PDB file of N, CA and C in Angstrom:
ATOM      1  N   MET A   1       0.873  -1.213  -0.025  1.00  0.00           N
ATOM      2  CA  MET A   1      -0.032   0.001  -0.017  1.00  0.00           C
ATOM      3  C   MET A   1       0.876   1.182  -0.013  1.00  0.00           C
ATOM      4  N   ARG A   2       0.404   2.249  -0.689  1.00  0.00           N
ATOM      5  CA  ARG A   2       1.164   3.496  -0.829  1.00  0.00           C
ATOM      6  C   ARG A   2       0.281   4.703  -0.482  1.00  0.00           C
ATOM      7  N   ALA A   3       0.858   5.840  -0.273  1.00  0.00           N
ATOM      8  CA  ALA A   3       0.268   7.091  -0.074  1.00  0.00           C
ATOM      9  C   ALA A   3       0.947   8.163  -0.845  1.00  0.00           C
ATOM     10  N   VAL A   4       0.248   9.249  -1.146  1.00  0.00           N
ATOM     11  CA  VAL A   4       0.793  10.373  -1.802  1.00  0.00           C
ATOM     12  C   VAL A   4       0.787  11.520  -0.799  1.00  0.00           C
ATOM     13  N   ILE A   5       1.886  12.209  -0.639  1.00  0.00           N
ATOM     14  CA  ILE A   5       1.965  13.352   0.239  1.00  0.00           C
ATOM     15  C   ILE A   5       2.317  14.503  -0.623  1.00  0.00           C
ATOM     16  N   THR A   6       1.551  15.545  -0.478  1.00  0.00           N
ATOM     17  CA  THR A   6       1.888  16.860  -1.191  1.00  0.00           C
ATOM     18  C   THR A   6       2.139  17.956  -0.197  1.00  0.00           C
ATOM     19  N   VAL A   7       3.102  18.795  -0.593  1.00  0.00           N
ATOM     20  CA  VAL A   7       3.461  19.917   0.313  1.00  0.00           C
ATOM     21  C   VAL A   7       3.655  21.141  -0.543  1.00  0.00           C
ATOM     22  N   ILE A   8       3.032  22.188  -0.195  1.00  0.00           N
ATOM     23  CA  ILE A   8       3.118  23.444  -0.934  1.00  0.00           C
ATOM     24  C   ILE A   8       3.204  24.627   0.119  1.00  0.00           C
ATOM     25  N   GLY A   9       4.089  25.560  -0.160  1.00  0.00           N
ATOM     26  CA  GLY A   9       4.206  26.704   0.755  1.00  0.00           C
ATOM     27  C   GLY A   9       5.515  27.527   0.505  1.00  0.00           C
ATOM     28  N   LYS A  10       5.685  28.490   1.308  1.00  0.00           N
ATOM     29  CA  LYS A  10       6.872  29.305   1.204  1.00  0.00           C
ATOM     30  C   LYS A  10       8.124  28.451   1.520  1.00  0.00           C
ATOM     31  N   ASP A  11       9.141  28.601   0.658  1.00  0.00           N
ATOM     32  CA  ASP A  11      10.354  27.801   0.874  1.00  0.00           C
ATOM     33  C   ASP A  11      11.027  28.187   2.114  1.00  0.00           C
ATOM     34  N   THR A  12      11.514  27.228   2.956  1.00  0.00           N
ATOM     35  CA  THR A  12      12.232  27.411   4.114  1.00  0.00           C
ATOM     36  C   THR A  12      13.234  26.195   4.204  1.00  0.00           C
ATOM     37  N   VAL A  13      14.282  26.334   5.006  1.00  0.00           N
ATOM     38  CA  VAL A  13      15.230  25.307   5.155  1.00  0.00           C
ATOM     39  C   VAL A  13      14.568  24.135   5.951  1.00  0.00           C
ATOM     40  N   GLY A  14      14.817  22.885   5.493  1.00  0.00           N
ATOM     41  CA  GLY A  14      14.391  21.773   6.297  1.00  0.00           C
ATOM     42  C   GLY A  14      13.003  21.162   6.069  1.00  0.00           C
ATOM     43  N   ILE A  15      12.316  21.611   5.055  1.00  0.00           N
ATOM     44  CA  ILE A  15      10.893  21.069   4.806  1.00  0.00           C
ATOM     45  C   ILE A  15      10.981  19.539   4.504  1.00  0.00           C
ATOM     46  N   LEU A  16      11.825  19.223   3.616  1.00  0.00           N
ATOM     47  CA  LEU A  16      11.948  17.810   3.230  1.00  0.00           C
ATOM     48  C   LEU A  16      12.400  16.923   4.439  1.00  0.00           C
ATOM     49  N   HIS A  17      13.295  17.488   5.253  1.00  0.00           N
ATOM     50  CA  HIS A  17      13.751  16.798   6.378  1.00  0.00           C
ATOM     51  C   HIS A  17      12.610  16.591   7.470  1.00  0.00           C
ATOM     52  N   LYS A  18      11.766  17.614   7.663  1.00  0.00           N
ATOM     53  CA  LYS A  18      10.711  17.480   8.622  1.00  0.00           C
ATOM     54  C   LYS A  18       9.642  16.502   8.188  1.00  0.00           C
ATOM     55  N   VAL A  19       9.311  16.569   6.886  1.00  0.00           N
ATOM     56  CA  VAL A  19       8.265  15.688   6.382  1.00  0.00           C
ATOM     57  C   VAL A  19       8.760  14.220   6.333  1.00  0.00           C
ATOM     58  N   SER A  20      10.009  14.066   5.872  1.00  0.00           N
ATOM     59  CA  SER A  20      10.514  12.620   5.845  1.00  0.00           C
ATOM     60  C   SER A  20      10.743  12.149   7.204  1.00  0.00           C
ATOM     61  N   GLY A  21      11.071  12.983   8.224  1.00  0.00           N
ATOM     62  CA  GLY A  21      11.226  12.556   9.585  1.00  0.00           C
ATOM     63  C   GLY A  21       9.946  12.020  10.157  1.00  0.00           C
ATOM     64  N   ILE A  22       8.814  12.665   9.846  1.00  0.00           N
ATOM     65  CA  ILE A  22       7.543  12.155  10.338  1.00  0.00           C
ATOM     66  C   ILE A  22       7.258  10.812   9.721  1.00  0.00           C
ATOM     67  N   CYS A  23       7.525  10.711   8.400  1.00  0.00           N
ATOM     68  CA  CYS A  23       7.314   9.457   7.698  1.00  0.00           C
ATOM     69  C   CYS A  23       8.161   8.307   8.356  1.00  0.00           C
ATOM     70  N   ALA A  24       9.438   8.599   8.692  1.00  0.00           N
ATOM     71  CA  ALA A  24      10.324   7.688   9.280  1.00  0.00           C
ATOM     72  C   ALA A  24       9.795   7.282  10.649  1.00  0.00           C
ATOM     73  N   ALA A  25       9.289   8.209  11.434  1.00  0.00           N
ATOM     74  CA  ALA A  25       8.766   7.934  12.819  1.00  0.00           C
ATOM     75  C   ALA A  25       7.589   6.948  12.738  1.00  0.00           C
ATOM     76  N   HIS A  26       6.859   6.978  11.615  1.00  0.00           N
ATOM     77  CA  HIS A  26       5.651   6.126  11.471  1.00  0.00           C
ATOM     78  C   HIS A  26       6.006   4.896  10.635  1.00  0.00           C
ATOM     79  N   GLN A  27       7.270   4.724  10.309  1.00  0.00           N
ATOM     80  CA  GLN A  27       7.673   3.519   9.388  1.00  0.00           C
ATOM     81  C   GLN A  27       7.060   3.582   8.014  1.00  0.00           C
ATOM     82  N   ALA A  28       6.799   4.835   7.508  1.00  0.00           N
ATOM     83  CA  ALA A  28       6.398   5.001   6.099  1.00  0.00           C
ATOM     84  C   ALA A  28       7.621   5.269   5.256  1.00  0.00           C
ATOM     85  N   ASN A  29       7.939   4.310   4.373  1.00  0.00           N
ATOM     86  CA  ASN A  29       9.165   4.367   3.595  1.00  0.00           C
ATOM     87  C   ASN A  29       8.984   5.271   2.373  1.00  0.00           C
ATOM     88  N   VAL A  30       9.846   6.290   2.217  1.00  0.00           N
ATOM     89  CA  VAL A  30       9.828   7.166   1.045  1.00  0.00           C
ATOM     90  C   VAL A  30      10.340   6.450  -0.174  1.00  0.00           C
ATOM     91  N   ILE A  31       9.393   6.284  -1.132  1.00  0.00           N
ATOM     92  CA  ILE A  31       9.771   5.620  -2.375  1.00  0.00           C
ATOM     93  C   ILE A  31      10.308   6.520  -3.439  1.00  0.00           C
ATOM     94  N   GLU A  32       9.627   7.652  -3.549  1.00  0.00           N
ATOM     95  CA  GLU A  32      10.039   8.639  -4.649  1.00  0.00           C
ATOM     96  C   GLU A  32       9.639  10.057  -4.174  1.00  0.00           C
ATOM     97  N   VAL A  33      10.523  11.014  -4.522  1.00  0.00           N
ATOM     98  CA  VAL A  33      10.248  12.431  -4.236  1.00  0.00           C
ATOM     99  C   VAL A  33      10.541  13.293  -5.392  1.00  0.00           C
ATOM    100  N   THR A  34       9.604  14.208  -5.710  1.00  0.00           N
ATOM    101  CA  THR A  34       9.936  15.285  -6.675  1.00  0.00           C
ATOM    102  C   THR A  34       9.613  16.564  -5.947  1.00  0.00           C
ATOM    103  N   GLN A  35      10.509  17.516  -6.153  1.00  0.00           N
ATOM    104  CA  GLN A  35      10.282  18.832  -5.569  1.00  0.00           C
ATOM    105  C   GLN A  35      10.836  19.908  -6.457  1.00  0.00           C
ATOM    106  N   SER A  36      10.225  21.103  -6.247  1.00  0.00           N
ATOM    107  CA  SER A  36      10.647  22.286  -7.040  1.00  0.00           C
ATOM    108  C   SER A  36      10.554  23.544  -6.163  1.00  0.00           C
ATOM    109  N   VAL A  37      11.478  24.427  -6.439  1.00  0.00           N
ATOM    110  CA  VAL A  37      11.324  25.711  -5.792  1.00  0.00           C
ATOM    111  C   VAL A  37      11.196  26.750  -6.867  1.00  0.00           C
ATOM    112  N   MET A  38      10.128  27.379  -6.948  1.00  0.00           N
ATOM    113  CA  MET A  38       9.784  28.499  -7.980  1.00  0.00           C
ATOM    114  C   MET A  38       9.725  29.801  -7.303  1.00  0.00           C
ATOM    115  N   GLN A  39      10.841  30.584  -7.545  1.00  0.00           N
ATOM    116  CA  GLN A  39      11.049  31.846  -6.796  1.00  0.00           C
ATOM    117  C   GLN A  39      11.115  31.428  -5.296  1.00  0.00           C
ATOM    118  N   ASP A  40      10.203  31.796  -4.502  1.00  0.00           N
ATOM    119  CA  ASP A  40      10.230  31.497  -3.051  1.00  0.00           C
ATOM    120  C   ASP A  40       9.185  30.454  -2.610  1.00  0.00           C
ATOM    121  N   MET A  41       8.533  29.775  -3.638  1.00  0.00           N
ATOM    122  CA  MET A  41       7.509  28.812  -3.332  1.00  0.00           C
ATOM    123  C   MET A  41       8.066  27.405  -3.481  1.00  0.00           C
ATOM    124  N   PHE A  42       7.772  26.571  -2.478  1.00  0.00           N
ATOM    125  CA  PHE A  42       8.238  25.224  -2.429  1.00  0.00           C
ATOM    126  C   PHE A  42       7.042  24.270  -2.817  1.00  0.00           C
ATOM    127  N   ALA A  43       7.311  23.254  -3.663  1.00  0.00           N
ATOM    128  CA  ALA A  43       6.239  22.326  -4.088  1.00  0.00           C
ATOM    129  C   ALA A  43       6.890  20.948  -4.030  1.00  0.00           C
ATOM    130  N   MET A  44       6.295  19.904  -3.369  1.00  0.00           N
ATOM    131  CA  MET A  44       6.787  18.545  -3.284  1.00  0.00           C
ATOM    132  C   MET A  44       5.717  17.594  -3.370  1.00  0.00           C
ATOM    133  N   ILE A  45       6.028  16.480  -4.050  1.00  0.00           N
ATOM    134  CA  ILE A  45       5.119  15.295  -4.014  1.00  0.00           C
ATOM    135  C   ILE A  45       5.984  14.108  -3.612  1.00  0.00           C
ATOM    136  N   MET A  46       5.466  13.334  -2.658  1.00  0.00           N
ATOM    137  CA  MET A  46       6.199  12.143  -2.220  1.00  0.00           C
ATOM    138  C   MET A  46       5.297  10.970  -2.377  1.00  0.00           C
ATOM    139  N   MET A  47       5.828   9.823  -2.785  1.00  0.00           N
ATOM    140  CA  MET A  47       5.131   8.588  -2.803  1.00  0.00           C
ATOM    141  C   MET A  47       5.815   7.765  -1.671  1.00  0.00           C
ATOM    142  N   VAL A  48       4.973   7.293  -0.749  1.00  0.00           N
ATOM    143  CA  VAL A  48       5.489   6.549   0.429  1.00  0.00           C
ATOM    144  C   VAL A  48       4.807   5.167   0.497  1.00  0.00           C
ATOM    145  N   ASP A  49       5.627   4.241   0.899  1.00  0.00           N
ATOM    146  CA  ASP A  49       5.060   2.845   1.187  1.00  0.00           C
ATOM    147  C   ASP A  49       4.542   2.823   2.588  1.00  0.00           C
ATOM    148  N   ILE A  50       3.249   2.548   2.818  1.00  0.00           N
ATOM    149  CA  ILE A  50       2.645   2.534   4.089  1.00  0.00           C
ATOM    150  C   ILE A  50       2.334   1.102   4.578  1.00  0.00           C
ATOM    151  N   SER A  51       2.842   0.144   3.975  1.00  0.00           N
ATOM    152  CA  SER A  51       2.535  -1.248   4.322  1.00  0.00           C
ATOM    153  C   SER A  51       3.099  -1.664   5.645  1.00  0.00           C
ATOM    154  N   GLN A  52       4.046  -0.988   6.153  1.00  0.00           N
ATOM    155  CA  GLN A  52       4.725  -1.309   7.423  1.00  0.00           C
ATOM    156  C   GLN A  52       4.463  -0.235   8.571  1.00  0.00           C
ATOM    157  N   LEU A  53       3.449   0.595   8.352  1.00  0.00           N
ATOM    158  CA  LEU A  53       3.144   1.639   9.418  1.00  0.00           C
ATOM    159  C   LEU A  53       3.079   1.015  10.789  1.00  0.00           C
ATOM    160  N   ASN A  54       3.586   1.794  11.796  1.00  0.00           N
ATOM    161  CA  ASN A  54       3.612   1.364  13.117  1.00  0.00           C
ATOM    162  C   ASN A  54       2.443   2.047  13.910  1.00  0.00           C
ATOM    163  N   SER A  55       1.542   2.728  13.119  1.00  0.00           N
ATOM    164  CA  SER A  55       0.377   3.341  13.648  1.00  0.00           C
ATOM    165  C   SER A  55      -0.716   3.231  12.554  1.00  0.00           C
ATOM    166  N   ASP A  56      -1.861   3.728  12.782  1.00  0.00           N
ATOM    167  CA  ASP A  56      -2.866   3.736  11.693  1.00  0.00           C
ATOM    168  C   ASP A  56      -2.612   4.914  10.769  1.00  0.00           C
ATOM    169  N   PHE A  57      -3.169   4.814   9.549  1.00  0.00           N
ATOM    170  CA  PHE A  57      -2.880   5.798   8.492  1.00  0.00           C
ATOM    171  C   PHE A  57      -3.309   7.250   8.962  1.00  0.00           C
ATOM    172  N   SER A  58      -4.457   7.315   9.748  1.00  0.00           N
ATOM    173  CA  SER A  58      -4.923   8.616  10.184  1.00  0.00           C
ATOM    174  C   SER A  58      -3.911   9.392  11.092  1.00  0.00           C
ATOM    175  N   ALA A  59      -3.165   8.521  11.863  1.00  0.00           N
ATOM    176  CA  ALA A  59      -2.156   9.128  12.843  1.00  0.00           C
ATOM    177  C   ALA A  59      -1.016   9.881  12.034  1.00  0.00           C
ATOM    178  N   LEU A  60      -0.615   9.138  10.884  1.00  0.00           N
ATOM    179  CA  LEU A  60       0.427   9.711  10.021  1.00  0.00           C
ATOM    180  C   LEU A  60      -0.159  10.955   9.373  1.00  0.00           C
ATOM    181  N   SER A  61      -1.323  10.841   8.796  1.00  0.00           N
ATOM    182  CA  SER A  61      -1.948  12.013   8.160  1.00  0.00           C
ATOM    183  C   SER A  61      -2.165  13.228   9.101  1.00  0.00           C
ATOM    184  N   ASP A  62      -2.626  12.955  10.269  1.00  0.00           N
ATOM    185  CA  ASP A  62      -2.809  13.980  11.297  1.00  0.00           C
ATOM    186  C   ASP A  62      -1.515  14.689  11.713  1.00  0.00           C
ATOM    187  N   LYS A  63      -0.446  13.893  11.848  1.00  0.00           N
ATOM    188  CA  LYS A  63       0.861  14.459  12.247  1.00  0.00           C
ATOM    189  C   LYS A  63       1.413  15.317  11.110  1.00  0.00           C
ATOM    190  N   LEU A  64       1.206  14.938   9.870  1.00  0.00           N
ATOM    191  CA  LEU A  64       1.720  15.740   8.726  1.00  0.00           C
ATOM    192  C   LEU A  64       0.846  17.053   8.673  1.00  0.00           C
ATOM    193  N   ALA A  65      -0.466  16.996   8.950  1.00  0.00           N
ATOM    194  CA  ALA A  65      -1.323  18.164   8.900  1.00  0.00           C
ATOM    195  C   ALA A  65      -0.927  19.100   9.986  1.00  0.00           C
ATOM    196  N   GLU A  66      -0.521  18.563  11.172  1.00  0.00           N
ATOM    197  CA  GLU A  66      -0.073  19.342  12.305  1.00  0.00           C
ATOM    198  C   GLU A  66       1.240  20.049  11.909  1.00  0.00           C
ATOM    199  N   LEU A  67       2.096  19.391  11.300  1.00  0.00           N
ATOM    200  CA  LEU A  67       3.368  20.051  10.810  1.00  0.00           C
ATOM    201  C   LEU A  67       2.999  21.227   9.816  1.00  0.00           C
ATOM    202  N   GLY A  68       2.066  20.968   8.952  1.00  0.00           N
ATOM    203  CA  GLY A  68       1.616  21.974   8.033  1.00  0.00           C
ATOM    204  C   GLY A  68       1.134  23.217   8.708  1.00  0.00           C
ATOM    205  N   LYS A  69       0.317  23.051   9.732  1.00  0.00           N
ATOM    206  CA  LYS A  69      -0.144  24.272  10.443  1.00  0.00           C
ATOM    207  C   LYS A  69       1.027  24.980  11.114  1.00  0.00           C
ATOM    208  N   THR A  70       1.908  24.220  11.792  1.00  0.00           N
ATOM    209  CA  THR A  70       3.053  24.778  12.502  1.00  0.00           C
ATOM    210  C   THR A  70       3.944  25.569  11.558  1.00  0.00           C
ATOM    211  N   GLU A  71       4.185  24.996  10.341  1.00  0.00           N
ATOM    212  CA  GLU A  71       5.195  25.555   9.443  1.00  0.00           C
ATOM    213  C   GLU A  71       4.494  26.405   8.357  1.00  0.00           C
ATOM    214  N   LYS A  72       3.196  26.621   8.462  1.00  0.00           N
ATOM    215  CA  LYS A  72       2.417  27.386   7.486  1.00  0.00           C
ATOM    216  C   LYS A  72       2.607  26.813   6.099  1.00  0.00           C
ATOM    217  N   LEU A  73       2.379  25.589   6.002  1.00  0.00           N
ATOM    218  CA  LEU A  73       2.467  24.781   4.688  1.00  0.00           C
ATOM    219  C   LEU A  73       1.124  24.045   4.457  1.00  0.00           C
ATOM    220  N   ASP A  74       0.813  23.864   3.209  1.00  0.00           N
ATOM    221  CA  ASP A  74      -0.357  23.067   2.872  1.00  0.00           C
ATOM    222  C   ASP A  74       0.157  21.637   2.622  1.00  0.00           C
ATOM    223  N   ILE A  75      -0.086  20.684   3.616  1.00  0.00           N
ATOM    224  CA  ILE A  75       0.360  19.345   3.498  1.00  0.00           C
ATOM    225  C   ILE A  75      -0.823  18.415   3.485  1.00  0.00           C
ATOM    226  N   HIS A  76      -0.858  17.497   2.451  1.00  0.00           N
ATOM    227  CA  HIS A  76      -1.936  16.664   2.370  1.00  0.00           C
ATOM    228  C   HIS A  76      -1.378  15.220   2.245  1.00  0.00           C
ATOM    229  N   CYS A  77      -1.943  14.265   2.859  1.00  0.00           N
ATOM    230  CA  CYS A  77      -1.530  12.831   2.805  1.00  0.00           C
ATOM    231  C   CYS A  77      -2.727  12.000   2.387  1.00  0.00           C
ATOM    232  N   MET A  78      -2.651  11.466   1.199  1.00  0.00           N
ATOM    233  CA  MET A  78      -3.850  10.761   0.682  1.00  0.00           C
ATOM    234  C   MET A  78      -3.445   9.259   0.340  1.00  0.00           C
ATOM    235  N   HIS A  79      -4.245   8.412   0.849  1.00  0.00           N
ATOM    236  CA  HIS A  79      -4.047   6.933   0.496  1.00  0.00           C
ATOM    237  C   HIS A  79      -4.152   6.746  -0.973  1.00  0.00           C
ATOM    238  N   GLU A  80      -3.271   5.905  -1.525  1.00  0.00           N
ATOM    239  CA  GLU A  80      -3.215   5.704  -3.038  1.00  0.00           C
ATOM    240  C   GLU A  80      -4.558   5.301  -3.623  1.00  0.00           C
ATOM    241  N   ASP A  81      -5.337   4.451  -2.892  1.00  0.00           N
ATOM    242  CA  ASP A  81      -6.644   4.012  -3.419  1.00  0.00           C
ATOM    243  C   ASP A  81      -7.541   5.180  -3.597  1.00  0.00           C
ATOM    244  N   ILE A  82      -7.564   6.180  -2.668  1.00  0.00           N
ATOM    245  CA  ILE A  82      -8.422   7.359  -2.838  1.00  0.00           C
ATOM    246  C   ILE A  82      -7.924   8.243  -3.949  1.00  0.00           C
ATOM    247  N   PHE A  83      -6.619   8.373  -3.982  1.00  0.00           N
ATOM    248  CA  PHE A  83      -5.977   9.177  -5.102  1.00  0.00           C
ATOM    249  C   PHE A  83      -6.321   8.602  -6.434  1.00  0.00           C
ATOM    250  N   ASN A  84      -6.235   7.309  -6.562  1.00  0.00           N
ATOM    251  CA  ASN A  84      -6.569   6.709  -7.828  1.00  0.00           C
ATOM    252  C   ASN A  84      -8.062   6.712  -8.224  1.00  0.00           C
ATOM    253  N   SER A  85      -8.918   6.628  -7.250  1.00  0.00           N
ATOM    254  CA  SER A  85     -10.330   6.778  -7.452  1.00  0.00           C
ATOM    255  C   SER A  85     -10.798   8.147  -7.893  1.00  0.00           C
ATOM    256  N   MET A  86     -10.083   9.167  -7.339  1.00  0.00           N
ATOM    257  CA  MET A  86     -10.350  10.494  -7.700  1.00  0.00           C
ATOM    258  C   MET A  86      -9.955  10.830  -9.103  1.00  0.00           C
ATOM    259  N   HIS A  87      -9.067  10.106  -9.628  1.00  0.00           N
ATOM    260  CA  HIS A  87      -8.457  10.411 -10.949  1.00  0.00           C
ATOM    261  C   HIS A  87      -8.889   9.424 -12.044  1.00  0.00           C
ATOM    262  N   GLU A  88      -9.926   8.630 -11.807  1.00  0.00           N
ATOM    263  CA  GLU A  88     -10.419   7.763 -12.804  1.00  0.00           C
ATOM    264  C   GLU A  88     -11.557   8.538 -13.536  1.00  0.00           C
ATOM    265  N   ILE A  89     -11.595   8.157 -14.814  1.00  0.00           N
ATOM    266  CA  ILE A  89     -12.700   8.819 -15.731  1.00  0.00           C
ATOM    267  C   ILE A  89     -13.902   7.986 -15.615  1.00  0.00           C
TER     268      ILE A  89
END
């Protein structure tokens, strides 16, 4: 099972570190990352393997949302099944 994490906001030092740290704490393995900085805006998409989570998925999602509020970032964590359902025609 996988999840998609998106992060958007003003670029600051350590965003990737903080997000990946939460993933590591929950045993969510980062499979792939793409990120861009456009002027002062940071945008990142992560694909993470959640098959070995040491908590339920909502705990991971809530912790990432909490980080987003603290750091003034828009962070979303979506289970791959929901992501795929949203994008089917």
